[in-house]
Amino acid sequence: MESTGWLGLVIIGGLAGWLAGKLMEVRYGVILNIVLGIAGSVVAAAILAGLHVGVPGGKFGFFVTGFIGACILIFLAKFARR
């Protein structure tokens, strides 16, 4: 399995959060995009593990799970605001 350093996680998490924000049509700052991407990857990994869905390792797997999780977190935030 490929190791990703902290800087790589921040960059990939930020990209995943930014892309999720664009898809969900929300405007958050750079820091919140990074937080959503990283927290989203944790949330999505837990959900996918609970559903027994395999997730590829490495940077691409982190990006995909971060994107899915960030979309879930953005959806929940938008739902809670209503």
PDB file of N, CA and C in Angstrom:
ATOM      1  N   MET A   1       0.832  -1.169   0.000  1.00  0.00           N
ATOM      2  CA  MET A   1       0.000   0.000   0.000  1.00  0.00           C
ATOM      3  C   MET A   1       0.888   1.247   0.000  1.00  0.00           C
ATOM      4  N   GLU A   2       0.514   2.202  -0.739  1.00  0.00           N
ATOM      5  CA  GLU A   2       1.263   3.430  -0.913  1.00  0.00           C
ATOM      6  C   GLU A   2       1.019   4.368   0.263  1.00  0.00           C
ATOM      7  N   SER A   3       2.074   4.970   0.775  1.00  0.00           N
ATOM      8  CA  SER A   3       1.946   5.868   1.915  1.00  0.00           C
ATOM      9  C   SER A   3       1.775   7.304   1.437  1.00  0.00           C
ATOM     10  N   THR A   4       0.841   8.008   2.056  1.00  0.00           N
ATOM     11  CA  THR A   4       0.597   9.406   1.737  1.00  0.00           C
ATOM     12  C   THR A   4       0.928  10.227   2.971  1.00  0.00           C
ATOM     13  N   GLY A   5       1.814  11.212   2.825  1.00  0.00           N
ATOM     14  CA  GLY A   5       2.205  12.063   3.944  1.00  0.00           C
ATOM     15  C   GLY A   5       1.113  13.059   4.297  1.00  0.00           C
ATOM     16  N   TRP A   6       1.364  13.798   5.367  1.00  0.00           N
ATOM     17  CA  TRP A   6       0.377  14.779   5.832  1.00  0.00           C
ATOM     18  C   TRP A   6       0.094  15.840   4.788  1.00  0.00           C
ATOM     19  N   LEU A   7       1.115  16.319   4.121  1.00  0.00           N
ATOM     20  CA  LEU A   7       0.909  17.340   3.101  1.00  0.00           C
ATOM     21  C   LEU A   7       0.080  16.788   1.949  1.00  0.00           C
ATOM     22  N   GLY A   8       0.342  15.556   1.573  1.00  0.00           N
ATOM     23  CA  GLY A   8      -0.451  14.914   0.520  1.00  0.00           C
ATOM     24  C   GLY A   8      -1.902  14.757   0.918  1.00  0.00           C
ATOM     25  N   LEU A   9      -2.137  14.386   2.183  1.00  0.00           N
ATOM     26  CA  LEU A   9      -3.511  14.245   2.670  1.00  0.00           C
ATOM     27  C   LEU A   9      -4.251  15.580   2.661  1.00  0.00           C
ATOM     28  N   VAL A  10      -3.554  16.639   3.033  1.00  0.00           N
ATOM     29  CA  VAL A  10      -4.179  17.965   3.042  1.00  0.00           C
ATOM     30  C   VAL A  10      -4.512  18.402   1.611  1.00  0.00           C
ATOM     31  N   ILE A  11      -3.593  18.190   0.696  1.00  0.00           N
ATOM     32  CA  ILE A  11      -3.824  18.590  -0.696  1.00  0.00           C
ATOM     33  C   ILE A  11      -4.946  17.771  -1.321  1.00  0.00           C
ATOM     34  N   ILE A  12      -4.902  16.465  -1.152  1.00  0.00           N
ATOM     35  CA  ILE A  12      -5.939  15.596  -1.721  1.00  0.00           C
ATOM     36  C   ILE A  12      -7.285  15.859  -1.055  1.00  0.00           C
ATOM     37  N   GLY A  13      -7.289  16.032   0.260  1.00  0.00           N
ATOM     38  CA  GLY A  13      -8.530  16.355   0.976  1.00  0.00           C
ATOM     39  C   GLY A  13      -9.108  17.678   0.532  1.00  0.00           C
ATOM     40  N   GLY A  14      -8.233  18.659   0.332  1.00  0.00           N
ATOM     41  CA  GLY A  14      -8.688  19.960  -0.151  1.00  0.00           C
ATOM     42  C   GLY A  14      -9.289  19.888  -1.541  1.00  0.00           C
ATOM     43  N   LEU A  15      -8.654  19.128  -2.419  1.00  0.00           N
ATOM     44  CA  LEU A  15      -9.199  18.955  -3.775  1.00  0.00           C
ATOM     45  C   LEU A  15     -10.536  18.229  -3.753  1.00  0.00           C
ATOM     46  N   ALA A  16     -10.635  17.206  -2.917  1.00  0.00           N
ATOM     47  CA  ALA A  16     -11.893  16.468  -2.810  1.00  0.00           C
ATOM     48  C   ALA A  16     -12.999  17.357  -2.252  1.00  0.00           C
ATOM     49  N   GLY A  17     -12.694  18.148  -1.231  1.00  0.00           N
ATOM     50  CA  GLY A  17     -13.679  19.062  -0.655  1.00  0.00           C
ATOM     51  C   GLY A  17     -14.078  20.158  -1.633  1.00  0.00           C
ATOM     52  N   TRP A  18     -13.099  20.687  -2.370  1.00  0.00           N
ATOM     53  CA  TRP A  18     -13.383  21.732  -3.360  1.00  0.00           C
ATOM     54  C   TRP A  18     -14.286  21.201  -4.465  1.00  0.00           C
ATOM     55  N   LEU A  19     -13.967  20.010  -4.972  1.00  0.00           N
ATOM     56  CA  LEU A  19     -14.774  19.417  -6.037  1.00  0.00           C
ATOM     57  C   LEU A  19     -16.181  19.093  -5.536  1.00  0.00           C
ATOM     58  N   ALA A  20     -16.291  18.609  -4.321  1.00  0.00           N
ATOM     59  CA  ALA A  20     -17.614  18.329  -3.744  1.00  0.00           C
ATOM     60  C   ALA A  20     -18.404  19.623  -3.577  1.00  0.00           C
ATOM     61  N   GLY A  21     -17.741  20.698  -3.169  1.00  0.00           N
ATOM     62  CA  GLY A  21     -18.407  21.992  -3.037  1.00  0.00           C
ATOM     63  C   GLY A  21     -18.911  22.502  -4.373  1.00  0.00           C
ATOM     64  N   LYS A  22     -18.124  22.295  -5.431  1.00  0.00           N
ATOM     65  CA  LYS A  22     -18.558  22.697  -6.770  1.00  0.00           C
ATOM     66  C   LYS A  22     -19.763  21.878  -7.223  1.00  0.00           C
ATOM     67  N   LEU A  23     -19.724  20.577  -6.969  1.00  0.00           N
ATOM     68  CA  LEU A  23     -20.822  19.703  -7.371  1.00  0.00           C
ATOM     69  C   LEU A  23     -22.102  20.030  -6.607  1.00  0.00           C
ATOM     70  N   MET A  24     -21.972  20.301  -5.310  1.00  0.00           N
ATOM     71  CA  MET A  24     -23.135  20.557  -4.464  1.00  0.00           C
ATOM     72  C   MET A  24     -23.533  22.035  -4.475  1.00  0.00           C
ATOM     73  N   GLU A  25     -22.809  22.858  -5.213  1.00  0.00           N
ATOM     74  CA  GLU A  25     -23.087  24.290  -5.374  1.00  0.00           C
ATOM     75  C   GLU A  25     -23.127  25.042  -4.042  1.00  0.00           C
ATOM     76  N   VAL A  26     -22.048  24.931  -3.284  1.00  0.00           N
ATOM     77  CA  VAL A  26     -21.892  25.683  -2.054  1.00  0.00           C
ATOM     78  C   VAL A  26     -20.575  26.448  -2.123  1.00  0.00           C
ATOM     79  N   ARG A  27     -20.472  27.515  -1.360  1.00  0.00           N
ATOM     80  CA  ARG A  27     -19.266  28.332  -1.338  1.00  0.00           C
ATOM     81  C   ARG A  27     -18.685  28.315   0.069  1.00  0.00           C
ATOM     82  N   TYR A  28     -17.670  27.500   0.262  1.00  0.00           N
ATOM     83  CA  TYR A  28     -16.952  27.444   1.528  1.00  0.00           C
ATOM     84  C   TYR A  28     -15.524  27.895   1.270  1.00  0.00           C
ATOM     85  N   GLY A  29     -14.812  28.215   2.311  1.00  0.00           N
ATOM     86  CA  GLY A  29     -13.425  28.636   2.182  1.00  0.00           C
ATOM     87  C   GLY A  29     -12.492  27.452   1.988  1.00  0.00           C
ATOM     88  N   VAL A  30     -11.239  27.760   1.753  1.00  0.00           N
ATOM     89  CA  VAL A  30     -10.226  26.735   1.503  1.00  0.00           C
ATOM     90  C   VAL A  30     -10.060  25.821   2.711  1.00  0.00           C
ATOM     91  N   ILE A  31     -10.010  26.407   3.900  1.00  0.00           N
ATOM     92  CA  ILE A  31      -9.810  25.609   5.112  1.00  0.00           C
ATOM     93  C   ILE A  31     -10.971  24.639   5.319  1.00  0.00           C
ATOM     94  N   LEU A  32     -12.195  25.105   5.138  1.00  0.00           N
ATOM     95  CA  LEU A  32     -13.350  24.231   5.314  1.00  0.00           C
ATOM     96  C   LEU A  32     -13.382  23.155   4.235  1.00  0.00           C
ATOM     97  N   ASN A  33     -12.934  23.465   3.029  1.00  0.00           N
ATOM     98  CA  ASN A  33     -12.843  22.440   1.984  1.00  0.00           C
ATOM     99  C   ASN A  33     -11.883  21.329   2.390  1.00  0.00           C
ATOM    100  N   ILE A  34     -10.753  21.700   2.959  1.00  0.00           N
ATOM    101  CA  ILE A  34      -9.778  20.701   3.413  1.00  0.00           C
ATOM    102  C   ILE A  34     -10.371  19.854   4.531  1.00  0.00           C
ATOM    103  N   VAL A  35     -11.023  20.511   5.481  1.00  0.00           N
ATOM    104  CA  VAL A  35     -11.640  19.793   6.606  1.00  0.00           C
ATOM    105  C   VAL A  35     -12.732  18.853   6.096  1.00  0.00           C
ATOM    106  N   LEU A  36     -13.576  19.349   5.180  1.00  0.00           N
ATOM    107  CA  LEU A  36     -14.637  18.495   4.621  1.00  0.00           C
ATOM    108  C   LEU A  36     -14.063  17.308   3.860  1.00  0.00           C
ATOM    109  N   GLY A  37     -13.003  17.532   3.112  1.00  0.00           N
ATOM    110  CA  GLY A  37     -12.384  16.431   2.368  1.00  0.00           C
ATOM    111  C   GLY A  37     -11.791  15.363   3.268  1.00  0.00           C
ATOM    112  N   ILE A  38     -11.072  15.789   4.299  1.00  0.00           N
ATOM    113  CA  ILE A  38     -10.441  14.827   5.204  1.00  0.00           C
ATOM    114  C   ILE A  38     -11.474  14.150   6.095  1.00  0.00           C
ATOM    115  N   ALA A  39     -12.369  14.945   6.696  1.00  0.00           N
ATOM    116  CA  ALA A  39     -13.426  14.360   7.536  1.00  0.00           C
ATOM    117  C   ALA A  39     -14.354  13.508   6.687  1.00  0.00           C
ATOM    118  N   GLY A  40     -14.602  13.946   5.470  1.00  0.00           N
ATOM    119  CA  GLY A  40     -15.454  13.174   4.565  1.00  0.00           C
ATOM    120  C   GLY A  40     -14.863  11.825   4.233  1.00  0.00           C
ATOM    121  N   SER A  41     -13.542  11.766   4.101  1.00  0.00           N
ATOM    122  CA  SER A  41     -12.930  10.477   3.796  1.00  0.00           C
ATOM    123  C   SER A  41     -13.071   9.513   4.967  1.00  0.00           C
ATOM    124  N   VAL A  42     -13.020  10.032   6.183  1.00  0.00           N
ATOM    125  CA  VAL A  42     -13.213   9.186   7.366  1.00  0.00           C
ATOM    126  C   VAL A  42     -14.654   8.686   7.417  1.00  0.00           C
ATOM    127  N   VAL A  43     -15.607   9.597   7.189  1.00  0.00           N
ATOM    128  CA  VAL A  43     -17.028   9.236   7.208  1.00  0.00           C
ATOM    129  C   VAL A  43     -17.342   8.212   6.117  1.00  0.00           C
ATOM    130  N   ALA A  44     -16.881   8.493   4.909  1.00  0.00           N
ATOM    131  CA  ALA A  44     -17.175   7.584   3.796  1.00  0.00           C
ATOM    132  C   ALA A  44     -16.505   6.231   3.978  1.00  0.00           C
ATOM    133  N   ALA A  45     -15.283   6.224   4.506  1.00  0.00           N
ATOM    134  CA  ALA A  45     -14.600   4.951   4.747  1.00  0.00           C
ATOM    135  C   ALA A  45     -15.373   4.116   5.763  1.00  0.00           C
ATOM    136  N   ALA A  46     -15.911   4.754   6.805  1.00  0.00           N
ATOM    137  CA  ALA A  46     -16.690   4.027   7.808  1.00  0.00           C
ATOM    138  C   ALA A  46     -17.991   3.498   7.211  1.00  0.00           C
ATOM    139  N   ILE A  47     -18.657   4.316   6.410  1.00  0.00           N
ATOM    140  CA  ILE A  47     -19.906   3.890   5.778  1.00  0.00           C
ATOM    141  C   ILE A  47     -19.654   2.747   4.812  1.00  0.00           C
ATOM    142  N   LEU A  48     -18.634   2.886   3.967  1.00  0.00           N
ATOM    143  CA  LEU A  48     -18.341   1.835   2.991  1.00  0.00           C
ATOM    144  C   LEU A  48     -17.864   0.548   3.661  1.00  0.00           C
ATOM    145  N   ALA A  49     -17.128   0.672   4.755  1.00  0.00           N
ATOM    146  CA  ALA A  49     -16.704  -0.526   5.487  1.00  0.00           C
ATOM    147  C   ALA A  49     -17.904  -1.220   6.116  1.00  0.00           C
ATOM    148  N   GLY A  50     -18.857  -0.426   6.609  1.00  0.00           N
ATOM    149  CA  GLY A  50     -20.081  -1.002   7.179  1.00  0.00           C
ATOM    150  C   GLY A  50     -20.921  -1.718   6.144  1.00  0.00           C
ATOM    151  N   LEU A  51     -20.840  -1.244   4.907  1.00  0.00           N
ATOM    152  CA  LEU A  51     -21.578  -1.874   3.808  1.00  0.00           C
ATOM    153  C   LEU A  51     -20.773  -2.970   3.122  1.00  0.00           C
ATOM    154  N   HIS A  52     -19.563  -3.233   3.622  1.00  0.00           N
ATOM    155  CA  HIS A  52     -18.657  -4.249   3.069  1.00  0.00           C
ATOM    156  C   HIS A  52     -18.298  -3.960   1.618  1.00  0.00           C
ATOM    157  N   VAL A  53     -18.046  -2.675   1.328  1.00  0.00           N
ATOM    158  CA  VAL A  53     -17.623  -2.257   0.000  1.00  0.00           C
ATOM    159  C   VAL A  53     -16.127  -1.990   0.058  1.00  0.00           C
ATOM    160  N   GLY A  54     -15.374  -2.615  -0.827  1.00  0.00           N
ATOM    161  CA  GLY A  54     -13.933  -2.423  -0.858  1.00  0.00           C
ATOM    162  C   GLY A  54     -13.566  -1.070  -1.445  1.00  0.00           C
ATOM    163  N   VAL A  55     -12.579  -0.433  -0.844  1.00  0.00           N
ATOM    164  CA  VAL A  55     -12.107   0.868  -1.312  1.00  0.00           C
ATOM    165  C   VAL A  55     -10.656   0.710  -1.724  1.00  0.00           C
ATOM    166  N   PRO A  56     -10.307   1.207  -2.914  1.00  0.00           N
ATOM    167  CA  PRO A  56      -8.911   1.089  -3.332  1.00  0.00           C
ATOM    168  C   PRO A  56      -8.004   1.917  -2.437  1.00  0.00           C
ATOM    169  N   GLY A  57      -6.792   1.458  -2.246  1.00  0.00           N
ATOM    170  CA  GLY A  57      -5.849   2.181  -1.402  1.00  0.00           C
ATOM    171  C   GLY A  57      -5.118   3.264  -2.167  1.00  0.00           C
ATOM    172  N   GLY A  58      -4.307   3.980  -1.488  1.00  0.00           N
ATOM    173  CA  GLY A  58      -3.478   4.998  -2.105  1.00  0.00           C
ATOM    174  C   GLY A  58      -4.175   6.337  -2.250  1.00  0.00           C
ATOM    175  N   LYS A  59      -3.552   7.194  -3.026  1.00  0.00           N
ATOM    176  CA  LYS A  59      -4.042   8.555  -3.185  1.00  0.00           C
ATOM    177  C   LYS A  59      -5.388   8.617  -3.887  1.00  0.00           C
ATOM    178  N   PHE A  60      -5.580   7.803  -4.898  1.00  0.00           N
ATOM    179  CA  PHE A  60      -6.852   7.820  -5.624  1.00  0.00           C
ATOM    180  C   PHE A  60      -7.998   7.348  -4.735  1.00  0.00           C
ATOM    181  N   GLY A  61      -7.778   6.314  -3.963  1.00  0.00           N
ATOM    182  CA  GLY A  61      -8.799   5.825  -3.041  1.00  0.00           C
ATOM    183  C   GLY A  61      -9.144   6.862  -1.990  1.00  0.00           C
ATOM    184  N   PHE A  62      -8.121   7.564  -1.473  1.00  0.00           N
ATOM    185  CA  PHE A  62      -8.366   8.623  -0.498  1.00  0.00           C
ATOM    186  C   PHE A  62      -9.173   9.753  -1.132  1.00  0.00           C
ATOM    187  N   PHE A  63      -8.849  10.100  -2.385  1.00  0.00           N
ATOM    188  CA  PHE A  63      -9.577  11.161  -3.075  1.00  0.00           C
ATOM    189  C   PHE A  63     -11.042  10.776  -3.285  1.00  0.00           C
ATOM    190  N   VAL A  64     -11.292   9.558  -3.733  1.00  0.00           N
ATOM    191  CA  VAL A  64     -12.662   9.107  -3.996  1.00  0.00           C
ATOM    192  C   VAL A  64     -13.477   9.070  -2.706  1.00  0.00           C
ATOM    193  N   THR A  65     -12.914   8.495  -1.650  1.00  0.00           N
ATOM    194  CA  THR A  65     -13.656   8.445  -0.392  1.00  0.00           C
ATOM    195  C   THR A  65     -13.834   9.844   0.203  1.00  0.00           C
ATOM    196  N   GLY A  66     -12.836  10.706   0.048  1.00  0.00           N
ATOM    197  CA  GLY A  66     -12.957  12.084   0.514  1.00  0.00           C
ATOM    198  C   GLY A  66     -14.050  12.835  -0.228  1.00  0.00           C
ATOM    199  N   PHE A  67     -14.126  12.621  -1.528  1.00  0.00           N
ATOM    200  CA  PHE A  67     -15.156  13.275  -2.339  1.00  0.00           C
ATOM    201  C   PHE A  67     -16.549  12.794  -1.949  1.00  0.00           C
ATOM    202  N   ILE A  68     -16.714  11.495  -1.821  1.00  0.00           N
ATOM    203  CA  ILE A  68     -18.016  10.932  -1.436  1.00  0.00           C
ATOM    204  C   ILE A  68     -18.409  11.418  -0.043  1.00  0.00           C
ATOM    205  N   GLY A  69     -17.485  11.350   0.887  1.00  0.00           N
ATOM    206  CA  GLY A  69     -17.773  11.784   2.249  1.00  0.00           C
ATOM    207  C   GLY A  69     -18.052  13.273   2.350  1.00  0.00           C
ATOM    208  N   ALA A  70     -17.309  14.085   1.605  1.00  0.00           N
ATOM    209  CA  ALA A  70     -17.552  15.528   1.622  1.00  0.00           C
ATOM    210  C   ALA A  70     -18.928  15.839   1.051  1.00  0.00           C
ATOM    211  N   CYS A  71     -19.337  15.122   0.011  1.00  0.00           N
ATOM    212  CA  CYS A  71     -20.688  15.314  -0.531  1.00  0.00           C
ATOM    213  C   CYS A  71     -21.746  14.962   0.507  1.00  0.00           C
ATOM    214  N   ILE A  72     -21.510  13.892   1.248  1.00  0.00           N
ATOM    215  CA  ILE A  72     -22.453  13.495   2.298  1.00  0.00           C
ATOM    216  C   ILE A  72     -22.525  14.568   3.382  1.00  0.00           C
ATOM    217  N   LEU A  73     -21.365  15.065   3.817  1.00  0.00           N
ATOM    218  CA  LEU A  73     -21.342  16.086   4.866  1.00  0.00           C
ATOM    219  C   LEU A  73     -21.978  17.390   4.395  1.00  0.00           C
ATOM    220  N   ILE A  74     -21.737  17.786   3.156  1.00  0.00           N
ATOM    221  CA  ILE A  74     -22.355  19.002   2.619  1.00  0.00           C
ATOM    222  C   ILE A  74     -23.862  18.831   2.531  1.00  0.00           C
ATOM    223  N   PHE A  75     -24.307  17.666   2.083  1.00  0.00           N
ATOM    224  CA  PHE A  75     -25.744  17.404   2.008  1.00  0.00           C
ATOM    225  C   PHE A  75     -26.388  17.499   3.383  1.00  0.00           C
ATOM    226  N   LEU A  76     -25.753  16.913   4.389  1.00  0.00           N
ATOM    227  CA  LEU A  76     -26.288  16.968   5.752  1.00  0.00           C
ATOM    228  C   LEU A  76     -26.302  18.403   6.285  1.00  0.00           C
ATOM    229  N   ALA A  77     -25.271  19.182   5.973  1.00  0.00           N
ATOM    230  CA  ALA A  77     -25.233  20.576   6.418  1.00  0.00           C
ATOM    231  C   ALA A  77     -26.329  21.396   5.742  1.00  0.00           C
ATOM    232  N   LYS A  78     -26.541  21.164   4.456  1.00  0.00           N
ATOM    233  CA  LYS A  78     -27.601  21.878   3.746  1.00  0.00           C
ATOM    234  C   LYS A  78     -28.973  21.469   4.276  1.00  0.00           C
ATOM    235  N   PHE A  79     -29.136  20.199   4.591  1.00  0.00           N
ATOM    236  CA  PHE A  79     -30.399  19.693   5.114  1.00  0.00           C
ATOM    237  C   PHE A  79     -30.676  20.273   6.507  1.00  0.00           C
ATOM    238  N   ALA A  80     -29.645  20.373   7.335  1.00  0.00           N
ATOM    239  CA  ALA A  80     -29.807  20.897   8.689  1.00  0.00           C
ATOM    240  C   ALA A  80     -30.145  22.383   8.690  1.00  0.00           C
ATOM    241  N   ARG A  81     -29.675  23.124   7.714  1.00  0.00           N
ATOM    242  CA  ARG A  81     -29.950  24.555   7.633  1.00  0.00           C
ATOM    243  C   ARG A  81     -31.403  24.838   7.288  1.00  0.00           C
ATOM    244  N   ARG A  82     -32.051  23.930   6.610  1.00  0.00           N
ATOM    245  CA  ARG A  82     -33.442  24.128   6.224  1.00  0.00           C
ATOM    246  C   ARG A  82     -34.284  23.854   7.409  1.00  0.00           C
TER     247      ARG A  82
END
